[in-house]
Amino acid sequence: MTTAQRLPDPYGNGGGANLADILERVLDKGIVIAGDIRINLLDIELLTIKLRLIVASVDKAKEMGIDWWETDPQLSSRAGRDELARENAELRAHVAELEEARAEVPARRRAPAKKEAKE
C-alpha cells in the first residue's frame, strides 16, 4: 500500500499557512507594489506609466493617512452630502449678496418706467 508523500512546508515546521492566513498578514501589515513602464524609441521617451499599488486593510490605510475614498462623491454618500451642503452654502451666500446689492439700488430705479398711452 502506497501513501502520498506530503510536500515540504514553505512556511516553517508544522503550521501550514493557507490563503486566509496570508491575506490576513498582508492586510494587517500592508504591501506596496511599485513599478514604472517606459517606452523609448531611439532614446526618445514616448510614454511613461508609473504604477503604485497599495494593498492594505481600511484601518491600516487610515492609520497611514490614506482616506481619499471618504471625500470622493462617487464612492461615499457622505462625501456627496458634504459637497451638496458646501454648494448650498455658497449659493445662499451669493443670493444674500445679490439681495444686499438690490436693496442699495434706489427705489425709483427699480420701479418699471410707465409708458404713456398714445392717443
N, C-alpha and C. Protein backbone atom coordinates (compact mmCIF):
# COMPACT_ATOMS: atom_id res chain seq x y z
N MET A 1 0.83 -1.18 0.00
CA MET A 1 0.00 0.00 0.00
C MET A 1 0.88 1.24 0.00
N THR A 2 0.56 2.15 -0.87
CA THR A 2 1.37 3.37 -1.00
C THR A 2 0.62 4.55 -0.39
N THR A 3 1.36 5.41 0.28
CA THR A 3 0.76 6.63 0.84
C THR A 3 1.38 7.83 0.15
N ALA A 4 0.57 8.83 -0.03
CA ALA A 4 1.06 10.04 -0.69
C ALA A 4 2.00 10.79 0.23
N GLN A 5 3.09 11.22 -0.35
CA GLN A 5 4.04 11.99 0.44
C GLN A 5 3.60 13.46 0.49
N ARG A 6 3.82 14.06 1.62
CA ARG A 6 3.48 15.46 1.78
C ARG A 6 4.63 16.32 1.28
N LEU A 7 4.29 17.39 0.55
CA LEU A 7 5.31 18.30 0.06
C LEU A 7 5.88 19.11 1.22
N PRO A 8 7.10 19.60 1.10
CA PRO A 8 7.69 20.39 2.18
C PRO A 8 6.88 21.66 2.43
N ASP A 9 6.80 22.03 3.71
CA ASP A 9 6.03 23.22 4.11
C ASP A 9 6.89 24.47 3.95
N PRO A 10 6.51 25.38 3.05
CA PRO A 10 7.35 26.56 2.82
C PRO A 10 7.27 27.58 3.96
N TYR A 11 6.33 27.45 4.89
CA TYR A 11 6.16 28.45 5.93
C TYR A 11 6.64 27.99 7.29
N GLY A 12 7.48 27.02 7.35
CA GLY A 12 8.00 26.58 8.63
C GLY A 12 7.50 25.21 9.00
N ASN A 13 7.87 24.78 10.17
CA ASN A 13 7.54 23.44 10.62
C ASN A 13 6.13 23.35 11.17
N GLY A 14 5.40 22.42 10.67
CA GLY A 14 4.12 22.07 11.25
C GLY A 14 2.95 22.97 10.92
N GLY A 15 3.09 24.29 10.92
CA GLY A 15 1.94 25.18 10.75
C GLY A 15 1.83 25.65 9.32
N GLY A 16 1.00 25.00 8.56
CA GLY A 16 0.82 25.42 7.18
C GLY A 16 0.00 26.70 7.10
N ALA A 17 0.37 27.57 6.18
CA ALA A 17 -0.37 28.83 6.00
C ALA A 17 -1.29 28.67 4.81
N ASN A 18 -2.55 28.93 5.04
CA ASN A 18 -3.48 28.87 3.93
C ASN A 18 -3.71 30.29 3.40
N LEU A 19 -4.54 30.41 2.43
CA LEU A 19 -4.79 31.70 1.79
C LEU A 19 -5.32 32.73 2.78
N ALA A 20 -6.17 32.31 3.69
CA ALA A 20 -6.73 33.23 4.68
C ALA A 20 -5.64 33.80 5.58
N ASP A 21 -4.68 32.96 5.98
CA ASP A 21 -3.58 33.43 6.82
C ASP A 21 -2.71 34.44 6.08
N ILE A 22 -2.42 34.13 4.84
CA ILE A 22 -1.59 35.04 4.04
C ILE A 22 -2.31 36.37 3.83
N LEU A 23 -3.58 36.31 3.51
CA LEU A 23 -4.37 37.53 3.29
C LEU A 23 -4.44 38.35 4.58
N GLU A 24 -4.61 37.69 5.71
CA GLU A 24 -4.65 38.41 6.98
C GLU A 24 -3.33 39.12 7.24
N ARG A 25 -2.22 38.46 6.96
CA ARG A 25 -0.91 39.08 7.16
C ARG A 25 -0.72 40.29 6.25
N VAL A 26 -1.10 40.15 4.99
CA VAL A 26 -0.93 41.25 4.03
C VAL A 26 -1.80 42.43 4.43
N LEU A 27 -3.06 42.19 4.78
CA LEU A 27 -3.95 43.29 5.13
C LEU A 27 -3.57 43.93 6.45
N ASP A 28 -3.00 43.15 7.36
CA ASP A 28 -2.60 43.69 8.65
C ASP A 28 -1.38 44.60 8.51
N LYS A 29 -0.42 44.19 7.74
CA LYS A 29 0.82 44.96 7.58
C LYS A 29 0.78 45.88 6.38
N GLY A 30 0.10 45.46 5.33
CA GLY A 30 0.08 46.24 4.09
C GLY A 30 1.22 45.82 3.19
N ILE A 31 1.04 46.05 1.91
CA ILE A 31 2.09 45.72 0.94
C ILE A 31 2.05 46.80 -0.15
N VAL A 32 3.21 47.21 -0.59
CA VAL A 32 3.32 48.22 -1.64
C VAL A 32 3.99 47.59 -2.85
N ILE A 33 3.36 47.78 -3.99
CA ILE A 33 3.94 47.31 -5.25
C ILE A 33 4.13 48.55 -6.12
N ALA A 34 5.34 48.78 -6.56
CA ALA A 34 5.62 49.97 -7.36
C ALA A 34 6.41 49.56 -8.59
N GLY A 35 6.14 50.26 -9.68
CA GLY A 35 6.88 49.97 -10.90
C GLY A 35 6.65 51.05 -11.94
N ASP A 36 7.57 51.14 -12.86
CA ASP A 36 7.47 52.10 -13.95
C ASP A 36 7.58 51.36 -15.28
N ILE A 37 6.80 51.81 -16.23
CA ILE A 37 6.87 51.27 -17.58
C ILE A 37 7.26 52.43 -18.49
N ARG A 38 8.34 52.27 -19.21
CA ARG A 38 8.79 53.32 -20.11
C ARG A 38 8.94 52.75 -21.51
N ILE A 39 8.45 53.52 -22.47
CA ILE A 39 8.59 53.12 -23.87
C ILE A 39 9.44 54.18 -24.56
N ASN A 40 10.59 53.75 -25.06
CA ASN A 40 11.52 54.65 -25.73
C ASN A 40 11.71 54.20 -27.17
N LEU A 41 11.95 55.16 -28.02
CA LEU A 41 12.27 54.89 -29.41
C LEU A 41 13.47 55.76 -29.78
N LEU A 42 14.61 55.12 -30.05
CA LEU A 42 15.84 55.84 -30.38
C LEU A 42 16.18 56.87 -29.32
N ASP A 43 16.17 56.45 -28.06
CA ASP A 43 16.47 57.31 -26.91
C ASP A 43 15.52 58.48 -26.74
N ILE A 44 14.34 58.40 -27.33
CA ILE A 44 13.30 59.41 -27.14
C ILE A 44 12.19 58.75 -26.34
N GLU A 45 11.91 59.34 -25.20
CA GLU A 45 10.88 58.77 -24.33
C GLU A 45 9.51 59.10 -24.89
N LEU A 46 8.78 58.06 -25.27
CA LEU A 46 7.45 58.24 -25.84
C LEU A 46 6.35 58.16 -24.79
N LEU A 47 6.52 57.27 -23.83
CA LEU A 47 5.46 57.04 -22.85
C LEU A 47 6.07 56.55 -21.55
N THR A 48 5.58 57.10 -20.44
CA THR A 48 5.97 56.63 -19.11
C THR A 48 4.71 56.40 -18.31
N ILE A 49 4.59 55.24 -17.74
CA ILE A 49 3.46 54.90 -16.87
C ILE A 49 4.04 54.53 -15.52
N LYS A 50 3.62 55.26 -14.49
CA LYS A 50 4.08 54.96 -13.13
C LYS A 50 2.96 54.26 -12.39
N LEU A 51 3.24 53.08 -11.90
CA LEU A 51 2.25 52.28 -11.18
C LEU A 51 2.60 52.24 -9.70
N ARG A 52 1.63 52.53 -8.87
CA ARG A 52 1.79 52.41 -7.43
C ARG A 52 0.54 51.71 -6.90
N LEU A 53 0.73 50.60 -6.24
CA LEU A 53 -0.38 49.81 -5.72
C LEU A 53 -0.13 49.53 -4.25
N ILE A 54 -1.10 49.88 -3.43
CA ILE A 54 -1.02 49.60 -2.00
C ILE A 54 -2.17 48.67 -1.66
N VAL A 55 -1.85 47.55 -1.06
CA VAL A 55 -2.86 46.60 -0.61
C VAL A 55 -2.79 46.58 0.91
N ALA A 56 -3.88 47.04 1.52
CA ALA A 56 -3.94 47.08 2.99
C ALA A 56 -5.39 47.11 3.41
N SER A 57 -5.63 46.85 4.68
CA SER A 57 -6.99 46.96 5.20
C SER A 57 -7.36 48.44 5.31
N VAL A 58 -8.64 48.71 5.43
CA VAL A 58 -9.11 50.09 5.56
C VAL A 58 -8.52 50.73 6.81
N ASP A 59 -8.49 49.99 7.90
CA ASP A 59 -7.94 50.53 9.15
C ASP A 59 -6.46 50.87 8.99
N LYS A 60 -5.70 50.01 8.34
CA LYS A 60 -4.27 50.25 8.14
C LYS A 60 -4.07 51.44 7.21
N ALA A 61 -4.90 51.55 6.17
CA ALA A 61 -4.79 52.68 5.24
C ALA A 61 -5.07 54.00 5.97
N LYS A 62 -6.11 54.02 6.81
CA LYS A 62 -6.41 55.24 7.58
C LYS A 62 -5.27 55.57 8.53
N GLU A 63 -4.67 54.54 9.11
CA GLU A 63 -3.53 54.73 10.00
C GLU A 63 -2.36 55.38 9.26
N MET A 64 -2.21 55.05 7.97
CA MET A 64 -1.14 55.61 7.15
C MET A 64 -1.53 56.97 6.57
N GLY A 65 -2.76 57.43 6.82
CA GLY A 65 -3.20 58.73 6.32
C GLY A 65 -3.82 58.68 4.94
N ILE A 66 -4.21 57.51 4.50
CA ILE A 66 -4.83 57.35 3.19
C ILE A 66 -6.33 57.17 3.39
N ASP A 67 -7.10 58.17 2.96
CA ASP A 67 -8.56 58.08 3.11
C ASP A 67 -9.29 58.82 1.99
N TRP A 68 -8.75 58.78 0.80
CA TRP A 68 -9.33 59.52 -0.33
C TRP A 68 -10.73 59.05 -0.68
N TRP A 69 -11.08 57.83 -0.38
CA TRP A 69 -12.41 57.32 -0.72
C TRP A 69 -13.50 57.98 0.12
N GLU A 70 -13.13 58.57 1.25
CA GLU A 70 -14.14 59.22 2.09
C GLU A 70 -14.56 60.58 1.53
N THR A 71 -13.73 61.19 0.68
CA THR A 71 -14.05 62.50 0.13
C THR A 71 -14.44 62.44 -1.34
N ASP A 72 -14.49 61.27 -1.92
CA ASP A 72 -14.88 61.12 -3.32
C ASP A 72 -16.38 60.88 -3.39
N PRO A 73 -17.13 61.82 -4.02
CA PRO A 73 -18.59 61.67 -4.06
C PRO A 73 -19.06 60.42 -4.82
N GLN A 74 -18.24 59.89 -5.70
CA GLN A 74 -18.60 58.68 -6.42
C GLN A 74 -18.52 57.44 -5.55
N LEU A 75 -17.73 57.51 -4.47
CA LEU A 75 -17.50 56.34 -3.63
C LEU A 75 -18.13 56.44 -2.25
N SER A 76 -18.52 57.64 -1.83
CA SER A 76 -19.04 57.82 -0.48
C SER A 76 -20.28 58.70 -0.51
N SER A 77 -21.36 58.21 0.07
CA SER A 77 -22.59 59.02 0.12
C SER A 77 -22.40 60.22 1.04
N ARG A 78 -21.59 60.07 2.08
CA ARG A 78 -21.32 61.20 2.97
C ARG A 78 -20.58 62.31 2.24
N ALA A 79 -19.65 61.95 1.37
CA ALA A 79 -18.93 62.96 0.60
C ALA A 79 -19.88 63.70 -0.32
N GLY A 80 -20.86 62.98 -0.89
CA GLY A 80 -21.85 63.63 -1.74
C GLY A 80 -22.69 64.62 -0.96
N ARG A 81 -23.08 64.24 0.25
CA ARG A 81 -23.85 65.16 1.10
C ARG A 81 -23.02 66.37 1.48
N ASP A 82 -21.75 66.15 1.80
CA ASP A 82 -20.87 67.27 2.16
C ASP A 82 -20.71 68.23 0.99
N GLU A 83 -20.57 67.68 -0.21
CA GLU A 83 -20.42 68.52 -1.39
C GLU A 83 -21.70 69.32 -1.64
N LEU A 84 -22.85 68.70 -1.48
CA LEU A 84 -24.12 69.41 -1.66
C LEU A 84 -24.30 70.49 -0.60
N ALA A 85 -23.91 70.21 0.63
CA ALA A 85 -24.01 71.21 1.70
C ALA A 85 -23.10 72.40 1.41
N ARG A 86 -21.89 72.13 0.91
CA ARG A 86 -20.97 73.22 0.57
C ARG A 86 -21.53 74.06 -0.56
N GLU A 87 -22.05 73.41 -1.60
CA GLU A 87 -22.63 74.13 -2.73
C GLU A 87 -23.84 74.94 -2.29
N ASN A 88 -24.68 74.37 -1.41
CA ASN A 88 -25.84 75.07 -0.90
C ASN A 88 -25.42 76.33 -0.13
N ALA A 89 -24.39 76.22 0.70
CA ALA A 89 -23.91 77.37 1.47
C ALA A 89 -23.38 78.46 0.54
N GLU A 90 -22.65 78.06 -0.53
CA GLU A 90 -22.15 79.04 -1.49
C GLU A 90 -23.30 79.76 -2.20
N LEU A 91 -24.32 79.01 -2.58
CA LEU A 91 -25.47 79.61 -3.27
C LEU A 91 -26.22 80.57 -2.34
N ARG A 92 -26.40 80.18 -1.08
CA ARG A 92 -27.08 81.06 -0.13
C ARG A 92 -26.29 82.36 0.06
N ALA A 93 -24.97 82.26 0.15
CA ALA A 93 -24.14 83.46 0.30
C ALA A 93 -24.27 84.35 -0.93
N HIS A 94 -24.30 83.76 -2.10
CA HIS A 94 -24.44 84.52 -3.34
C HIS A 94 -25.80 85.21 -3.41
N VAL A 95 -26.86 84.52 -3.03
CA VAL A 95 -28.20 85.12 -3.01
C VAL A 95 -28.25 86.28 -2.02
N ALA A 96 -27.61 86.11 -0.86
CA ALA A 96 -27.59 87.19 0.14
C ALA A 96 -26.87 88.42 -0.41
N GLU A 97 -25.76 88.21 -1.13
CA GLU A 97 -25.04 89.33 -1.75
C GLU A 97 -25.92 90.04 -2.77
N LEU A 98 -26.62 89.27 -3.59
CA LEU A 98 -27.49 89.87 -4.60
C LEU A 98 -28.62 90.66 -3.95
N GLU A 99 -29.20 90.14 -2.87
CA GLU A 99 -30.27 90.84 -2.18
C GLU A 99 -29.77 92.13 -1.55
N GLU A 100 -28.56 92.13 -0.99
CA GLU A 100 -27.98 93.35 -0.42
C GLU A 100 -27.76 94.39 -1.52
N ALA A 101 -27.23 93.96 -2.65
CA ALA A 101 -27.00 94.88 -3.76
C ALA A 101 -28.31 95.45 -4.27
N ARG A 102 -29.33 94.65 -4.30
CA ARG A 102 -30.65 95.10 -4.77
C ARG A 102 -31.24 96.12 -3.80
N ALA A 103 -31.04 95.91 -2.50
CA ALA A 103 -31.57 96.83 -1.50
C ALA A 103 -30.90 98.20 -1.59
N GLU A 104 -29.66 98.24 -2.04
CA GLU A 104 -28.92 99.50 -2.14
C GLU A 104 -29.36 100.33 -3.35
N VAL A 105 -29.95 99.72 -4.33
CA VAL A 105 -30.40 100.44 -5.52
C VAL A 105 -31.62 101.27 -5.13
N PRO A 106 -31.62 102.57 -5.48
CA PRO A 106 -32.76 103.42 -5.13
C PRO A 106 -34.06 102.86 -5.71
N ALA A 107 -35.13 103.08 -4.95
CA ALA A 107 -36.44 102.53 -5.34
C ALA A 107 -36.88 103.07 -6.70
N ARG A 108 -36.57 104.31 -7.01
CA ARG A 108 -37.02 104.86 -8.29
C ARG A 108 -36.37 104.18 -9.47
N ARG A 109 -35.18 103.68 -9.30
CA ARG A 109 -34.52 102.98 -10.40
C ARG A 109 -35.08 101.59 -10.58
N ARG A 110 -35.60 101.00 -9.49
CA ARG A 110 -36.15 99.66 -9.59
C ARG A 110 -37.54 99.64 -10.18
N ALA A 111 -38.29 100.73 -9.96
CA ALA A 111 -39.67 100.76 -10.44
C ALA A 111 -39.67 100.79 -11.96
N PRO A 112 -40.51 99.98 -12.57
CA PRO A 112 -40.55 99.98 -14.04
C PRO A 112 -41.08 101.32 -14.55
N ALA A 113 -40.51 101.75 -15.63
CA ALA A 113 -40.95 103.01 -16.23
C ALA A 113 -42.34 102.86 -16.79
N LYS A 114 -43.20 103.86 -16.52
CA LYS A 114 -44.57 103.81 -17.02
C LYS A 114 -44.59 104.33 -18.46
N LYS A 115 -45.26 103.59 -19.28
CA LYS A 115 -45.38 104.01 -20.67
C LYS A 115 -46.63 104.87 -20.80
N GLU A 116 -46.46 105.98 -21.45
CA GLU A 116 -47.60 106.85 -21.66
C GLU A 116 -48.42 106.34 -22.81
N ALA A 117 -49.69 106.36 -22.64
CA ALA A 117 -50.59 105.90 -23.67
C ALA A 117 -50.62 106.90 -24.82
N LYS A 118 -50.46 106.42 -25.99
CA LYS A 118 -50.53 107.29 -27.18
C LYS A 118 -51.98 107.48 -27.57
N GLU A 119 -52.30 108.68 -27.88
CA GLU A 119 -53.68 108.97 -28.27
C GLU A 119 -53.79 109.20 -29.74
